[in-house]
C-alpha atoms as a PDB file:
ATOM      1  CA  MET A   1      60.347  55.369  73.653  1.00  0.00           C
ATOM      2  CA  ALA A   2      57.632  58.038  73.715  1.00  0.00           C
ATOM      3  CA  LYS A   3      57.339  57.976  69.936  1.00  0.00           C
ATOM      4  CA  THR A   4      57.029  54.188  69.941  1.00  0.00           C
ATOM      5  CA  LEU A   5      54.304  54.318  72.615  1.00  0.00           C
ATOM      6  CA  HIS A   6      52.424  56.971  70.648  1.00  0.00           C
ATOM      7  CA  HIS A   7      52.585  54.981  67.401  1.00  0.00           C
ATOM      8  CA  LEU A   8      51.491  51.788  69.171  1.00  0.00           C
ATOM      9  CA  ARG A   9      48.509  53.632  70.650  1.00  0.00           C
ATOM     10  CA  VAL A  10      47.549  54.992  67.220  1.00  0.00           C
ATOM     11  CA  VAL A  11      47.617  51.578  65.493  1.00  0.00           C
ATOM     12  CA  GLN A  12      45.733  49.917  68.355  1.00  0.00           C
ATOM     13  CA  GLU A  13      42.925  52.428  68.879  1.00  0.00           C
ATOM     14  CA  ASN A  14      39.429  51.499  67.714  1.00  0.00           C
ATOM     15  CA  GLY A  15      40.594  48.072  66.560  1.00  0.00           C
ATOM     16  CA  GLN A  16      40.864  49.471  63.032  1.00  0.00           C
ATOM     17  CA  PRO A  17      43.832  50.498  60.880  1.00  0.00           C
ATOM     18  CA  PRO A  18      44.852  54.154  61.368  1.00  0.00           C
ATOM     19  CA  LYS A  19      43.561  56.804  58.968  1.00  0.00           C
ATOM     20  CA  GLY A  20      46.780  56.855  56.936  1.00  0.00           C
ATOM     21  CA  ILE A  21      46.686  53.118  56.275  1.00  0.00           C
ATOM     22  CA  THR A  22      42.961  53.266  55.515  1.00  0.00           C
ATOM     23  CA  ARG A  23      43.595  56.088  53.051  1.00  0.00           C
ATOM     24  CA  GLN A  24      46.305  54.049  51.304  1.00  0.00           C
ATOM     25  CA  ALA A  25      43.994  51.026  51.113  1.00  0.00           C
ATOM     26  CA  ARG A  26      41.350  53.204  49.459  1.00  0.00           C
ATOM     27  CA  ILE A  27      43.949  54.456  46.971  1.00  0.00           C
ATOM     28  CA  LEU A  28      45.000  50.873  46.278  1.00  0.00           C
ATOM     29  CA  THR A  29      41.383  49.856  45.648  1.00  0.00           C
ATOM     30  CA  HIS A  30      40.932  52.612  43.062  1.00  0.00           C
ATOM     31  CA  PHE A  31      44.428  52.300  41.590  1.00  0.00           C
ATOM     32  CA  ILE A  32      43.770  48.856  40.106  1.00  0.00           C
ATOM     33  CA  LYS A  33      41.450  49.378  37.137  1.00  0.00           C
ATOM     34  CA  PRO A  34      40.732  46.177  35.240  1.00  0.00           C
ATOM     35  CA  ALA A  35      39.011  46.409  31.869  1.00  0.00           C
ATOM     36  CA  ASN A  36      35.289  45.639  32.103  1.00  0.00           C
ATOM     37  CA  PRO A  37      35.390  44.539  35.770  1.00  0.00           C
ATOM     38  CA  THR A  38      32.589  42.482  37.198  1.00  0.00           C
ATOM     39  CA  GLN A  39      31.130  43.335  40.572  1.00  0.00           C
ATOM     40  CA  GLU A  40      32.869  40.237  41.918  1.00  0.00           C
ATOM     41  CA  THR A  41      36.258  41.489  40.666  1.00  0.00           C
ATOM     42  CA  LEU A  42      35.703  44.912  42.228  1.00  0.00           C
ATOM     43  CA  GLN A  43      34.690  43.286  45.503  1.00  0.00           C
ATOM     44  CA  LYS A  44      37.813  41.099  45.491  1.00  0.00           C
ATOM     45  CA  LEU A  45      40.016  44.145  44.875  1.00  0.00           C
ATOM     46  CA  ALA A  46      38.363  46.001  47.757  1.00  0.00           C
ATOM     47  CA  SER A  47      38.721  42.937  49.979  1.00  0.00           C
ATOM     48  CA  ASN A  48      42.375  42.615  49.018  1.00  0.00           C
ATOM     49  CA  ALA A  49      43.053  46.238  49.995  1.00  0.00           C
ATOM     50  CA  GLU A  50      41.181  45.773  53.291  1.00  0.00           C
ATOM     51  CA  THR A  51      43.215  42.650  54.053  1.00  0.00           C
ATOM     52  CA  TRP A  52      46.412  44.591  53.278  1.00  0.00           C
ATOM     53  CA  ALA A  53      45.382  47.342  55.711  1.00  0.00           C
ATOM     54  CA  LYS A  54      44.571  44.865  58.504  1.00  0.00           C
ATOM     55  CA  GLN A  55      47.804  42.915  58.003  1.00  0.00           C
ATOM     56  CA  THR A  56      49.840  46.121  57.913  1.00  0.00           C
ATOM     57  CA  ARG A  57      48.213  47.216  61.177  1.00  0.00           C
ATOM     58  CA  GLN A  58      49.073  43.867  62.778  1.00  0.00           C
ATOM     59  CA  ILE A  59      52.680  44.058  61.535  1.00  0.00           C
ATOM     60  CA  LEU A  60      53.027  47.525  63.052  1.00  0.00           C
ATOM     61  CA  ILE A  61      51.502  46.447  66.368  1.00  0.00           C
ATOM     62  CA  GLU A  62      53.982  43.569  66.607  1.00  0.00           C
ATOM     63  CA  HIS A  63      56.855  45.858  65.585  1.00  0.00           C
ATOM     64  CA  TYR A  64      56.051  48.486  68.226  1.00  0.00           C
ATOM     65  CA  GLN A  65      55.494  45.871  70.941  1.00  0.00           C
ATOM     66  CA  ASN A  66      58.854  44.255  70.117  1.00  0.00           C
ATOM     67  CA  SER A  67      60.499  47.684  70.051  1.00  0.00           C
ATOM     68  CA  LEU A  68      59.111  48.468  73.504  1.00  0.00           C
ATOM     69  CA  GLU A  69      60.382  45.156  74.862  1.00  0.00           C
ATOM     70  CA  TYR A  70      63.830  45.913  73.422  1.00  0.00           C
ATOM     71  CA  LEU A  71      63.814  49.452  74.849  1.00  0.00           C
ATOM     72  CA  ASP A  72      62.631  48.134  78.205  1.00  0.00           C
ATOM     73  CA  ASP A  73      65.536  45.673  78.264  1.00  0.00           C
ATOM     74  CA  GLU A  74      67.935  48.499  77.365  1.00  0.00           C
ATOM     75  CA  TYR A  75      66.638  50.683  80.202  1.00  0.00           C
ATOM     76  CA  ARG A  76      66.979  47.840  82.698  1.00  0.00           C
ATOM     77  CA  GLU A  77      70.721  47.787  82.014  1.00  0.00           C
ATOM     78  CA  GLY A  78      70.951  51.318  83.374  1.00  0.00           C
ATOM     79  CA  PRO A  79      69.758  54.763  82.485  1.00  0.00           C
ATOM     80  CA  PRO A  80      70.823  55.554  78.932  1.00  0.00           C
ATOM     81  CA  MET A  81      72.387  58.891  79.902  1.00  0.00           C
ATOM     82  CA  ASP A  82      74.793  57.118  82.257  1.00  0.00           C
ATOM     83  CA  ARG A  83      76.017  55.016  79.350  1.00  0.00           C
ATOM     84  CA  VAL A  84      76.215  58.034  77.046  1.00  0.00           C
ATOM     85  CA  GLN A  85      78.156  60.072  79.619  1.00  0.00           C
ATOM     86  CA  GLU A  86      80.525  57.180  80.175  1.00  0.00           C
ATOM     87  CA  ALA A  87      81.137  56.770  76.459  1.00  0.00           C
ATOM     88  CA  VAL A  88      81.773  60.510  76.021  1.00  0.00           C
ATOM     89  CA  ALA A  89      84.126  60.561  79.004  1.00  0.00           C
ATOM     90  CA  LYS A  90      86.070  57.616  77.629  1.00  0.00           C
ATOM     91  CA  ALA A  91      86.332  59.269  74.244  1.00  0.00           C
ATOM     92  CA  LEU A  92      87.378  62.661  75.635  1.00  0.00           C
ATOM     93  CA  ILE A  93      89.590  61.787  78.593  1.00  0.00           C
ATOM     94  CA  GLY A  94      90.201  58.084  78.277  1.00  0.00           C
ATOM     95  CA  ALA A  95      88.562  57.205  81.584  1.00  0.00           C
ATOM     96  CA  SER A  96      85.124  56.446  82.948  1.00  0.00           C
ATOM     97  CA  PRO A  97      83.281  59.209  84.833  1.00  0.00           C
ATOM     98  CA  GLN A  98      83.798  57.238  88.045  1.00  0.00           C
ATOM     99  CA  ALA A  99      87.568  57.397  87.588  1.00  0.00           C
ATOM    100  CA  ARG A 100      87.554  61.192  87.417  1.00  0.00           C
ATOM    101  CA  ALA A 101      85.142  63.212  89.519  1.00  0.00           C
ATOM    102  CA  PRO A 102      83.396  65.997  87.614  1.00  0.00           C
ATOM    103  CA  THR A 103      84.366  69.549  88.448  1.00  0.00           C
ATOM    104  CA  ALA A 104      81.434  71.804  89.279  1.00  0.00           C
ATOM    105  CA  LEU A 105      81.284  75.425  88.195  1.00  0.00           C
ATOM    106  CA  SER A 106      80.612  78.053  90.805  1.00  0.00           C
ATOM    107  CA  PRO A 107      77.945  80.667  89.993  1.00  0.00           C
ATOM    108  CA  ARG A 108      80.634  83.317  89.319  1.00  0.00           C
ATOM    109  CA  ASP A 109      82.356  80.992  86.866  1.00  0.00           C
ATOM    110  CA  HIS A 110      79.204  80.565  84.770  1.00  0.00           C
ATOM    111  CA  GLY A 111      80.258  79.934  81.215  1.00  0.00           C
ATOM    112  CA  ALA A 112      83.851  79.213  82.131  1.00  0.00           C
ATOM    113  CA  ARG A 113      85.304  75.782  81.579  1.00  0.00           C
ATOM    114  CA  PRO A 114      86.329  73.803  84.666  1.00  0.00           C
ATOM    115  CA  SER A 115      90.041  73.316  85.067  1.00  0.00           C
END
């Protein structure tokens, strides 16, 4: 979730595409090299790359917002670690953690497995 929030912040800041997308748009502009281009053709190529960058930014914003909504829904169902612990317990002992109380280690038993 933290990574998704960070990426959303990056694509939303300044209202412009992030540096990486801007760099790729610049590469795209210079990658296409028509023979004897007119100024109009060069301008259209630059405009095309700029449009690509803006649309890519918007796609990423929507993706990260949808991802956050999905993650939020997942967290509402219960803390993820509870579900992970339950799945591990079922796989290892064939019962949910609630069915078998965990055994705590005393300080002198540090490193020893509970019986």
